Amino acid sequence: MKDPETADDTLDWLDIDPCYEALGSTASERAARYREFVRGAIPQGEWTLIREAVQRGQLTGGHRFADQVEAILSRRIENRRRGRPCKPVGPGEVAGK
């Protein structure tokens, strides 16, 4: 990983956004302030939703979005619970036995 203090700020193919430059006088100061901005812009509940969806390989959108992705991939995508489905309970039986 590159040290932000020694990073080359003279890349001719990359335009640095003036708003980003205004975050600090050094590369590490700008990076730290930008990191704070991103962390503060997304509520903790959203981070949790995104993290769990990524870990499970699931989507974070609504039903309409999921339907569109399913159509594009020609594959069923749904938010399924972990483990095997429960066995149906017949008359006189106790669940879990």
PDB file of N, CA and C in Angstrom:
ATOM      1  N   MET A   1       0.838  -1.173   0.000  1.00  0.00           N
ATOM      2  CA  MET A   1       0.000   0.000   0.000  1.00  0.00           C
ATOM      3  C   MET A   1       0.884   1.237   0.000  1.00  0.00           C
ATOM      4  N   LYS A   2       0.541   2.196  -0.836  1.00  0.00           N
ATOM      5  CA  LYS A   2       1.335   3.412  -0.936  1.00  0.00           C
ATOM      6  C   LYS A   2       1.107   4.323   0.254  1.00  0.00           C
ATOM      7  N   ASP A   3       2.164   4.969   0.669  1.00  0.00           N
ATOM      8  CA  ASP A   3       2.067   5.986   1.712  1.00  0.00           C
ATOM      9  C   ASP A   3       1.491   7.244   1.088  1.00  0.00           C
ATOM     10  N   PRO A   4       0.364   7.777   1.613  1.00  0.00           N
ATOM     11  CA  PRO A   4      -0.253   8.962   1.008  1.00  0.00           C
ATOM     12  C   PRO A   4       0.676  10.172   0.985  1.00  0.00           C
ATOM     13  N   GLU A   5       1.619  10.249   1.925  1.00  0.00           N
ATOM     14  CA  GLU A   5       2.534  11.391   1.968  1.00  0.00           C
ATOM     15  C   GLU A   5       3.502  11.381   0.797  1.00  0.00           C
ATOM     16  N   THR A   6       3.854  10.194   0.320  1.00  0.00           N
ATOM     17  CA  THR A   6       4.825  10.117  -0.763  1.00  0.00           C
ATOM     18  C   THR A   6       4.176   9.831  -2.107  1.00  0.00           C
ATOM     19  N   ALA A   7       2.854   9.794  -2.140  1.00  0.00           N
ATOM     20  CA  ALA A   7       2.141   9.530  -3.395  1.00  0.00           C
ATOM     21  C   ALA A   7       2.416  10.653  -4.390  1.00  0.00           C
ATOM     22  N   ASP A   8       2.499  10.291  -5.642  1.00  0.00           N
ATOM     23  CA  ASP A   8       2.787  11.262  -6.693  1.00  0.00           C
ATOM     24  C   ASP A   8       1.530  12.073  -6.987  1.00  0.00           C
ATOM     25  N   ASP A   9       1.536  13.367  -6.619  1.00  0.00           N
ATOM     26  CA  ASP A   9       0.401  14.247  -6.856  1.00  0.00           C
ATOM     27  C   ASP A   9       0.463  14.911  -8.222  1.00  0.00           C
ATOM     28  N   THR A  10       1.423  14.546  -9.054  1.00  0.00           N
ATOM     29  CA  THR A  10       1.587  15.198 -10.354  1.00  0.00           C
ATOM     30  C   THR A  10       1.195  14.279 -11.504  1.00  0.00           C
ATOM     31  N   LEU A  11       0.235  13.403 -11.287  1.00  0.00           N
ATOM     32  CA  LEU A  11      -0.211  12.510 -12.353  1.00  0.00           C
ATOM     33  C   LEU A  11      -0.902  13.339 -13.421  1.00  0.00           C
ATOM     34  N   ASP A  12      -0.376  13.296 -14.644  1.00  0.00           N
ATOM     35  CA  ASP A  12      -0.942  14.125 -15.707  1.00  0.00           C
ATOM     36  C   ASP A  12      -2.230  13.548 -16.290  1.00  0.00           C
ATOM     37  N   TRP A  13      -2.539  12.297 -16.046  1.00  0.00           N
ATOM     38  CA  TRP A  13      -3.745  11.687 -16.599  1.00  0.00           C
ATOM     39  C   TRP A  13      -4.922  11.743 -15.627  1.00  0.00           C
ATOM     40  N   LEU A  14      -4.692  12.256 -14.427  1.00  0.00           N
ATOM     41  CA  LEU A  14      -5.734  12.281 -13.414  1.00  0.00           C
ATOM     42  C   LEU A  14      -6.001  13.714 -12.973  1.00  0.00           C
ATOM     43  N   ASP A  15      -7.259  14.132 -13.084  1.00  0.00           N
ATOM     44  CA  ASP A  15      -7.655  15.454 -12.604  1.00  0.00           C
ATOM     45  C   ASP A  15      -8.088  15.333 -11.148  1.00  0.00           C
ATOM     46  N   ILE A  16      -7.433  16.072 -10.285  1.00  0.00           N
ATOM     47  CA  ILE A  16      -7.798  16.080  -8.872  1.00  0.00           C
ATOM     48  C   ILE A  16      -8.939  17.073  -8.680  1.00  0.00           C
ATOM     49  N   ASP A  17     -10.002  16.612  -8.041  1.00  0.00           N
ATOM     50  CA  ASP A  17     -11.162  17.461  -7.799  1.00  0.00           C
ATOM     51  C   ASP A  17     -10.795  18.564  -6.811  1.00  0.00           C
ATOM     52  N   PRO A  18     -11.150  19.819  -7.124  1.00  0.00           N
ATOM     53  CA  PRO A  18     -10.824  20.926  -6.223  1.00  0.00           C
ATOM     54  C   PRO A  18     -11.439  20.762  -4.829  1.00  0.00           C
ATOM     55  N   CYS A  19     -12.615  20.152  -4.744  1.00  0.00           N
ATOM     56  CA  CYS A  19     -13.244  19.921  -3.434  1.00  0.00           C
ATOM     57  C   CYS A  19     -12.416  18.948  -2.607  1.00  0.00           C
ATOM     58  N   TYR A  20     -11.854  17.941  -3.261  1.00  0.00           N
ATOM     59  CA  TYR A  20     -10.992  16.978  -2.558  1.00  0.00           C
ATOM     60  C   TYR A  20      -9.718  17.667  -2.101  1.00  0.00           C
ATOM     61  N   GLU A  21      -9.127  18.488  -2.953  1.00  0.00           N
ATOM     62  CA  GLU A  21      -7.902  19.205  -2.585  1.00  0.00           C
ATOM     63  C   GLU A  21      -8.134  20.125  -1.396  1.00  0.00           C
ATOM     64  N   ALA A  22      -9.331  20.684  -1.286  1.00  0.00           N
ATOM     65  CA  ALA A  22      -9.644  21.613  -0.202  1.00  0.00           C
ATOM     66  C   ALA A  22      -9.796  20.915   1.150  1.00  0.00           C
ATOM     67  N   LEU A  23      -9.821  19.584   1.159  1.00  0.00           N
ATOM     68  CA  LEU A  23      -9.980  18.854   2.417  1.00  0.00           C
ATOM     69  C   LEU A  23      -8.749  18.934   3.315  1.00  0.00           C
ATOM     70  N   GLY A  24      -7.594  19.257   2.753  1.00  0.00           N
ATOM     71  CA  GLY A  24      -6.388  19.335   3.576  1.00  0.00           C
ATOM     72  C   GLY A  24      -5.184  19.750   2.774  1.00  0.00           C
ATOM     73  N   SER A  25      -4.120  20.080   3.478  1.00  0.00           N
ATOM     74  CA  SER A  25      -2.905  20.549   2.808  1.00  0.00           C
ATOM     75  C   SER A  25      -1.965  19.418   2.419  1.00  0.00           C
ATOM     76  N   THR A  26      -2.145  18.237   3.010  1.00  0.00           N
ATOM     77  CA  THR A  26      -1.319  17.082   2.651  1.00  0.00           C
ATOM     78  C   THR A  26      -2.204  15.944   2.161  1.00  0.00           C
ATOM     79  N   ALA A  27      -1.608  15.004   1.462  1.00  0.00           N
ATOM     80  CA  ALA A  27      -2.365  13.856   0.945  1.00  0.00           C
ATOM     81  C   ALA A  27      -2.969  13.035   2.083  1.00  0.00           C
ATOM     82  N   SER A  28      -2.219  12.845   3.174  1.00  0.00           N
ATOM     83  CA  SER A  28      -2.749  12.043   4.280  1.00  0.00           C
ATOM     84  C   SER A  28      -3.885  12.773   4.994  1.00  0.00           C
ATOM     85  N   GLU A  29      -3.800  14.096   5.115  1.00  0.00           N
ATOM     86  CA  GLU A  29      -4.876  14.867   5.733  1.00  0.00           C
ATOM     87  C   GLU A  29      -6.140  14.801   4.876  1.00  0.00           C
ATOM     88  N   ARG A  30      -5.980  14.926   3.549  1.00  0.00           N
ATOM     89  CA  ARG A  30      -7.134  14.837   2.644  1.00  0.00           C
ATOM     90  C   ARG A  30      -7.762  13.456   2.722  1.00  0.00           C
ATOM     91  N   ALA A  31      -6.919  12.418   2.735  1.00  0.00           N
ATOM     92  CA  ALA A  31      -7.433  11.048   2.794  1.00  0.00           C
ATOM     93  C   ALA A  31      -8.199  10.806   4.093  1.00  0.00           C
ATOM     94  N   ALA A  32      -7.669  11.293   5.212  1.00  0.00           N
ATOM     95  CA  ALA A  32      -8.331  11.102   6.504  1.00  0.00           C
ATOM     96  C   ALA A  32      -9.675  11.822   6.540  1.00  0.00           C
ATOM     97  N   ARG A  33      -9.723  13.043   6.050  1.00  0.00           N
ATOM     98  CA  ARG A  33     -10.981  13.796   6.054  1.00  0.00           C
ATOM     99  C   ARG A  33     -12.002  13.185   5.094  1.00  0.00           C
ATOM    100  N   TYR A  34     -11.535  12.687   3.954  1.00  0.00           N
ATOM    101  CA  TYR A  34     -12.450  12.051   3.012  1.00  0.00           C
ATOM    102  C   TYR A  34     -13.022  10.765   3.619  1.00  0.00           C
ATOM    103  N   ARG A  35     -12.160  10.005   4.310  1.00  0.00           N
ATOM    104  CA  ARG A  35     -12.599   8.775   4.970  1.00  0.00           C
ATOM    105  C   ARG A  35     -13.683   9.100   6.010  1.00  0.00           C
ATOM    106  N   GLU A  36     -13.479  10.168   6.798  1.00  0.00           N
ATOM    107  CA  GLU A  36     -14.479  10.598   7.773  1.00  0.00           C
ATOM    108  C   GLU A  36     -15.793  10.966   7.081  1.00  0.00           C
ATOM    109  N   PHE A  37     -15.682  11.669   5.960  1.00  0.00           N
ATOM    110  CA  PHE A  37     -16.872  12.085   5.212  1.00  0.00           C
ATOM    111  C   PHE A  37     -17.676  10.872   4.749  1.00  0.00           C
ATOM    112  N   VAL A  38     -17.000   9.896   4.173  1.00  0.00           N
ATOM    113  CA  VAL A  38     -17.691   8.709   3.656  1.00  0.00           C
ATOM    114  C   VAL A  38     -18.325   7.925   4.802  1.00  0.00           C
ATOM    115  N   ARG A  39     -17.595   7.754   5.892  1.00  0.00           N
ATOM    116  CA  ARG A  39     -18.140   7.011   7.038  1.00  0.00           C
ATOM    117  C   ARG A  39     -19.349   7.718   7.641  1.00  0.00           C
ATOM    118  N   GLY A  40     -19.324   9.047   7.673  1.00  0.00           N
ATOM    119  CA  GLY A  40     -20.431   9.800   8.252  1.00  0.00           C
ATOM    120  C   GLY A  40     -21.625   9.925   7.326  1.00  0.00           C
ATOM    121  N   ALA A  41     -21.423   9.744   6.031  1.00  0.00           N
ATOM    122  CA  ALA A  41     -22.498   9.925   5.056  1.00  0.00           C
ATOM    123  C   ALA A  41     -23.438   8.718   4.996  1.00  0.00           C
ATOM    124  N   ILE A  42     -22.970   7.573   5.437  1.00  0.00           N
ATOM    125  CA  ILE A  42     -23.785   6.358   5.377  1.00  0.00           C
ATOM    126  C   ILE A  42     -24.124   5.930   6.804  1.00  0.00           C
ATOM    127  N   PRO A  43     -25.418   5.874   7.149  1.00  0.00           N
ATOM    128  CA  PRO A  43     -25.810   5.466   8.504  1.00  0.00           C
ATOM    129  C   PRO A  43     -25.336   4.050   8.824  1.00  0.00           C
ATOM    130  N   GLN A  44     -25.101   3.776  10.096  1.00  0.00           N
ATOM    131  CA  GLN A  44     -24.587   2.478  10.531  1.00  0.00           C
ATOM    132  C   GLN A  44     -25.476   1.325  10.063  1.00  0.00           C
ATOM    133  N   GLY A  45     -26.787   1.523  10.081  1.00  0.00           N
ATOM    134  CA  GLY A  45     -27.696   0.470   9.627  1.00  0.00           C
ATOM    135  C   GLY A  45     -27.487   0.103   8.168  1.00  0.00           C
ATOM    136  N   GLU A  46     -27.157   1.107   7.347  1.00  0.00           N
ATOM    137  CA  GLU A  46     -26.875   0.846   5.930  1.00  0.00           C
ATOM    138  C   GLU A  46     -25.587   0.057   5.777  1.00  0.00           C
ATOM    139  N   TRP A  47     -24.554   0.417   6.572  1.00  0.00           N
ATOM    140  CA  TRP A  47     -23.292  -0.336   6.521  1.00  0.00           C
ATOM    141  C   TRP A  47     -23.548  -1.797   6.861  1.00  0.00           C
ATOM    142  N   THR A  48     -24.367  -2.036   7.885  1.00  0.00           N
ATOM    143  CA  THR A  48     -24.682  -3.403   8.297  1.00  0.00           C
ATOM    144  C   THR A  48     -25.402  -4.143   7.178  1.00  0.00           C
ATOM    145  N   LEU A  49     -26.384  -3.497   6.557  1.00  0.00           N
ATOM    146  CA  LEU A  49     -27.127  -4.103   5.453  1.00  0.00           C
ATOM    147  C   LEU A  49     -26.188  -4.455   4.299  1.00  0.00           C
ATOM    148  N   ILE A  50     -25.326  -3.527   3.937  1.00  0.00           N
ATOM    149  CA  ILE A  50     -24.387  -3.752   2.823  1.00  0.00           C
ATOM    150  C   ILE A  50     -23.415  -4.874   3.170  1.00  0.00           C
ATOM    151  N   ARG A  51     -22.844  -4.832   4.383  1.00  0.00           N
ATOM    152  CA  ARG A  51     -21.864  -5.848   4.805  1.00  0.00           C
ATOM    153  C   ARG A  51     -22.479  -7.242   4.772  1.00  0.00           C
ATOM    154  N   GLU A  52     -23.697  -7.377   5.329  1.00  0.00           N
ATOM    155  CA  GLU A  52     -24.357  -8.687   5.363  1.00  0.00           C
ATOM    156  C   GLU A  52     -24.718  -9.169   3.961  1.00  0.00           C
ATOM    157  N   ALA A  53     -25.162  -8.262   3.104  1.00  0.00           N
ATOM    158  CA  ALA A  53     -25.509  -8.640   1.731  1.00  0.00           C
ATOM    159  C   ALA A  53     -24.268  -9.116   0.979  1.00  0.00           C
ATOM    160  N   VAL A  54     -23.150  -8.428   1.165  1.00  0.00           N
ATOM    161  CA  VAL A  54     -21.913  -8.829   0.492  1.00  0.00           C
ATOM    162  C   VAL A  54     -21.454 -10.196   0.997  1.00  0.00           C
ATOM    163  N   GLN A  55     -21.505 -10.398   2.313  1.00  0.00           N
ATOM    164  CA  GLN A  55     -21.073 -11.680   2.878  1.00  0.00           C
ATOM    165  C   GLN A  55     -21.923 -12.842   2.393  1.00  0.00           C
ATOM    166  N   ARG A  56     -23.213 -12.590   2.142  1.00  0.00           N
ATOM    167  CA  ARG A  56     -24.118 -13.653   1.696  1.00  0.00           C
ATOM    168  C   ARG A  56     -24.287 -13.697   0.188  1.00  0.00           C
ATOM    169  N   GLY A  57     -23.692 -12.748  -0.514  1.00  0.00           N
ATOM    170  CA  GLY A  57     -23.846 -12.707  -1.967  1.00  0.00           C
ATOM    171  C   GLY A  57     -25.255 -12.325  -2.378  1.00  0.00           C
ATOM    172  N   GLN A  58     -25.891 -11.435  -1.608  1.00  0.00           N
ATOM    173  CA  GLN A  58     -27.269 -11.049  -1.873  1.00  0.00           C
ATOM    174  C   GLN A  58     -27.355  -9.595  -2.319  1.00  0.00           C
ATOM    175  N   LEU A  59     -28.540  -9.216  -2.776  1.00  0.00           N
ATOM    176  CA  LEU A  59     -28.793  -7.850  -3.222  1.00  0.00           C
ATOM    177  C   LEU A  59     -29.302  -7.000  -2.067  1.00  0.00           C
ATOM    178  N   THR A  60     -29.154  -5.685  -2.193  1.00  0.00           N
ATOM    179  CA  THR A  60     -29.670  -4.779  -1.171  1.00  0.00           C
ATOM    180  C   THR A  60     -30.877  -3.991  -1.655  1.00  0.00           C
ATOM    181  N   GLY A  61     -31.288  -4.170  -2.902  1.00  0.00           N
ATOM    182  CA  GLY A  61     -32.426  -3.438  -3.446  1.00  0.00           C
ATOM    183  C   GLY A  61     -33.752  -4.093  -3.109  1.00  0.00           C
ATOM    184  N   GLY A  62     -34.832  -3.488  -3.589  1.00  0.00           N
ATOM    185  CA  GLY A  62     -36.174  -3.997  -3.357  1.00  0.00           C
ATOM    186  C   GLY A  62     -36.535  -5.121  -4.323  1.00  0.00           C
ATOM    187  N   HIS A  63     -37.811  -5.517  -4.285  1.00  0.00           N
ATOM    188  CA  HIS A  63     -38.285  -6.628  -5.123  1.00  0.00           C
ATOM    189  C   HIS A  63     -38.156  -6.301  -6.611  1.00  0.00           C
ATOM    190  N   ARG A  64     -38.466  -5.080  -6.989  1.00  0.00           N
ATOM    191  CA  ARG A  64     -38.389  -4.697  -8.400  1.00  0.00           C
ATOM    192  C   ARG A  64     -36.950  -4.816  -8.917  1.00  0.00           C
ATOM    193  N   PHE A  65     -36.004  -4.337  -8.119  1.00  0.00           N
ATOM    194  CA  PHE A  65     -34.588  -4.430  -8.494  1.00  0.00           C
ATOM    195  C   PHE A  65     -34.158  -5.888  -8.599  1.00  0.00           C
ATOM    196  N   ALA A  66     -34.560  -6.700  -7.618  1.00  0.00           N
ATOM    197  CA  ALA A  66     -34.211  -8.122  -7.638  1.00  0.00           C
ATOM    198  C   ALA A  66     -34.795  -8.806  -8.872  1.00  0.00           C
ATOM    199  N   ASP A  67     -36.037  -8.461  -9.235  1.00  0.00           N
ATOM    200  CA  ASP A  67     -36.661  -9.033 -10.433  1.00  0.00           C
ATOM    201  C   ASP A  67     -35.874  -8.662 -11.688  1.00  0.00           C
ATOM    202  N   GLN A  68     -35.408  -7.411 -11.767  1.00  0.00           N
ATOM    203  CA  GLN A  68     -34.633  -6.971 -12.929  1.00  0.00           C
ATOM    204  C   GLN A  68     -33.305  -7.723 -13.017  1.00  0.00           C
ATOM    205  N   VAL A  69     -32.622  -7.886 -11.879  1.00  0.00           N
ATOM    206  CA  VAL A  69     -31.350  -8.612 -11.868  1.00  0.00           C
ATOM    207  C   VAL A  69     -31.578 -10.069 -12.234  1.00  0.00           C
ATOM    208  N   GLU A  70     -32.625 -10.682 -11.704  1.00  0.00           N
ATOM    209  CA  GLU A  70     -32.953 -12.064 -12.043  1.00  0.00           C
ATOM    210  C   GLU A  70     -33.195 -12.224 -13.531  1.00  0.00           C
ATOM    211  N   ALA A  71     -33.885 -11.255 -14.148  1.00  0.00           N
ATOM    212  CA  ALA A  71     -34.158 -11.317 -15.583  1.00  0.00           C
ATOM    213  C   ALA A  71     -32.868 -11.204 -16.387  1.00  0.00           C
ATOM    214  N   ILE A  72     -31.979 -10.332 -15.974  1.00  0.00           N
ATOM    215  CA  ILE A  72     -30.705 -10.147 -16.680  1.00  0.00           C
ATOM    216  C   ILE A  72     -29.842 -11.393 -16.565  1.00  0.00           C
ATOM    217  N   LEU A  73     -29.779 -11.979 -15.373  1.00  0.00           N
ATOM    218  CA  LEU A  73     -28.910 -13.135 -15.134  1.00  0.00           C
ATOM    219  C   LEU A  73     -29.554 -14.467 -15.497  1.00  0.00           C
ATOM    220  N   SER A  74     -30.869 -14.453 -15.731  1.00  0.00           N
ATOM    221  CA  SER A  74     -31.620 -15.695 -15.951  1.00  0.00           C
ATOM    222  C   SER A  74     -31.364 -16.671 -14.799  1.00  0.00           C
ATOM    223  N   ARG A  75     -31.402 -16.124 -13.593  1.00  0.00           N
ATOM    224  CA  ARG A  75     -31.102 -16.912 -12.405  1.00  0.00           C
ATOM    225  C   ARG A  75     -31.923 -16.369 -11.240  1.00  0.00           C
ATOM    226  N   ARG A  76     -32.420 -17.258 -10.406  1.00  0.00           N
ATOM    227  CA  ARG A  76     -33.221 -16.838  -9.262  1.00  0.00           C
ATOM    228  C   ARG A  76     -32.305 -16.282  -8.168  1.00  0.00           C
ATOM    229  N   ILE A  77     -32.681 -15.127  -7.676  1.00  0.00           N
ATOM    230  CA  ILE A  77     -31.946 -14.501  -6.576  1.00  0.00           C
ATOM    231  C   ILE A  77     -32.980 -14.126  -5.530  1.00  0.00           C
ATOM    232  N   GLU A  78     -32.825 -14.654  -4.349  1.00  0.00           N
ATOM    233  CA  GLU A  78     -33.757 -14.295  -3.283  1.00  0.00           C
ATOM    234  C   GLU A  78     -33.017 -14.304  -1.960  1.00  0.00           C
ATOM    235  N   ASN A  79     -33.569 -13.615  -1.010  1.00  0.00           N
ATOM    236  CA  ASN A  79     -32.991 -13.532   0.319  1.00  0.00           C
ATOM    237  C   ASN A  79     -33.464 -14.743   1.112  1.00  0.00           C
ATOM    238  N   ARG A  80     -32.663 -15.799   1.109  1.00  0.00           N
ATOM    239  CA  ARG A  80     -33.055 -17.034   1.782  1.00  0.00           C
ATOM    240  C   ARG A  80     -32.435 -17.132   3.164  1.00  0.00           C
ATOM    241  N   ARG A  81     -33.122 -17.834   4.053  1.00  0.00           N
ATOM    242  CA  ARG A  81     -32.592 -18.055   5.390  1.00  0.00           C
ATOM    243  C   ARG A  81     -31.489 -19.094   5.344  1.00  0.00           C
ATOM    244  N   ARG A  82     -30.639 -19.086   6.366  1.00  0.00           N
ATOM    245  CA  ARG A  82     -29.548 -20.057   6.450  1.00  0.00           C
ATOM    246  C   ARG A  82     -30.087 -21.443   6.774  1.00  0.00           C
ATOM    247  N   GLY A  83     -29.371 -22.466   6.326  1.00  0.00           N
ATOM    248  CA  GLY A  83     -29.701 -23.840   6.675  1.00  0.00           C
ATOM    249  C   GLY A  83     -30.780 -24.460   5.802  1.00  0.00           C
ATOM    250  N   ARG A  84     -31.158 -25.642   6.183  1.00  0.00           N
ATOM    251  CA  ARG A  84     -32.172 -26.378   5.443  1.00  0.00           C
ATOM    252  C   ARG A  84     -33.561 -25.900   5.821  1.00  0.00           C
ATOM    253  N   PRO A  85     -34.506 -26.042   4.893  1.00  0.00           N
ATOM    254  CA  PRO A  85     -35.889 -25.680   5.231  1.00  0.00           C
ATOM    255  C   PRO A  85     -36.422 -26.603   6.324  1.00  0.00           C
ATOM    256  N   CYS A  86     -37.309 -26.092   7.141  1.00  0.00           N
ATOM    257  CA  CYS A  86     -37.930 -26.902   8.195  1.00  0.00           C
ATOM    258  C   CYS A  86     -38.848 -27.948   7.567  1.00  0.00           C
ATOM    259  N   LYS A  87     -38.896 -29.115   8.192  1.00  0.00           N
ATOM    260  CA  LYS A  87     -39.809 -30.152   7.735  1.00  0.00           C
ATOM    261  C   LYS A  87     -41.219 -29.782   8.159  1.00  0.00           C
ATOM    262  N   PRO A  88     -42.185 -30.092   7.311  1.00  0.00           N
ATOM    263  CA  PRO A  88     -43.569 -29.805   7.710  1.00  0.00           C
ATOM    264  C   PRO A  88     -43.955 -30.647   8.926  1.00  0.00           C
ATOM    265  N   VAL A  89     -44.754 -30.063   9.801  1.00  0.00           N
ATOM    266  CA  VAL A  89     -45.187 -30.754  11.020  1.00  0.00           C
ATOM    267  C   VAL A  89     -46.582 -31.340  10.753  1.00  0.00           C
ATOM    268  N   GLY A  90     -46.700 -32.638  10.962  1.00  0.00           N
ATOM    269  CA  GLY A  90     -47.984 -33.311  10.767  1.00  0.00           C
ATOM    270  C   GLY A  90     -48.835 -33.248  12.036  1.00  0.00           C
ATOM    271  N   PRO A  91     -50.072 -33.714  11.931  1.00  0.00           N
ATOM    272  CA  PRO A  91     -50.947 -33.713  13.106  1.00  0.00           C
ATOM    273  C   PRO A  91     -50.367 -34.558  14.240  1.00  0.00           C
ATOM    274  N   GLY A  92     -50.366 -34.032  15.433  1.00  0.00           N
ATOM    275  CA  GLY A  92     -49.883 -34.765  16.593  1.00  0.00           C
ATOM    276  C   GLY A  92     -48.370 -34.769  16.744  1.00  0.00           C
ATOM    277  N   GLU A  93     -47.623 -34.120  15.846  1.00  0.00           N
ATOM    278  CA  GLU A  93     -46.160 -34.086  15.935  1.00  0.00           C
ATOM    279  C   GLU A  93     -45.719 -32.764  16.556  1.00  0.00           C
ATOM    280  N   VAL A  94     -44.531 -32.793  17.140  1.00  0.00           N
ATOM    281  CA  VAL A  94     -43.953 -31.600  17.745  1.00  0.00           C
ATOM    282  C   VAL A  94     -42.812 -31.124  16.832  1.00  0.00           C
ATOM    283  N   ALA A  95     -42.803 -29.823  16.528  1.00  0.00           N
ATOM    284  CA  ALA A  95     -41.757 -29.277  15.659  1.00  0.00           C
ATOM    285  C   ALA A  95     -40.386 -29.468  16.285  1.00  0.00           C
ATOM    286  N   GLY A  96     -39.380 -29.804  15.444  1.00  0.00           N
ATOM    287  CA  GLY A  96     -38.007 -29.945  15.901  1.00  0.00           C
ATOM    288  C   GLY A  96     -37.652 -31.337  16.373  1.00  0.00           C
ATOM    289  N   LYS A  97     -38.568 -32.277  16.313  1.00  0.00           N
ATOM    290  CA  LYS A  97     -38.265 -33.643  16.758  1.00  0.00           C
ATOM    291  C   LYS A  97     -38.436 -34.617  15.639  1.00  0.00           C
TER     292      LYS A  97
END
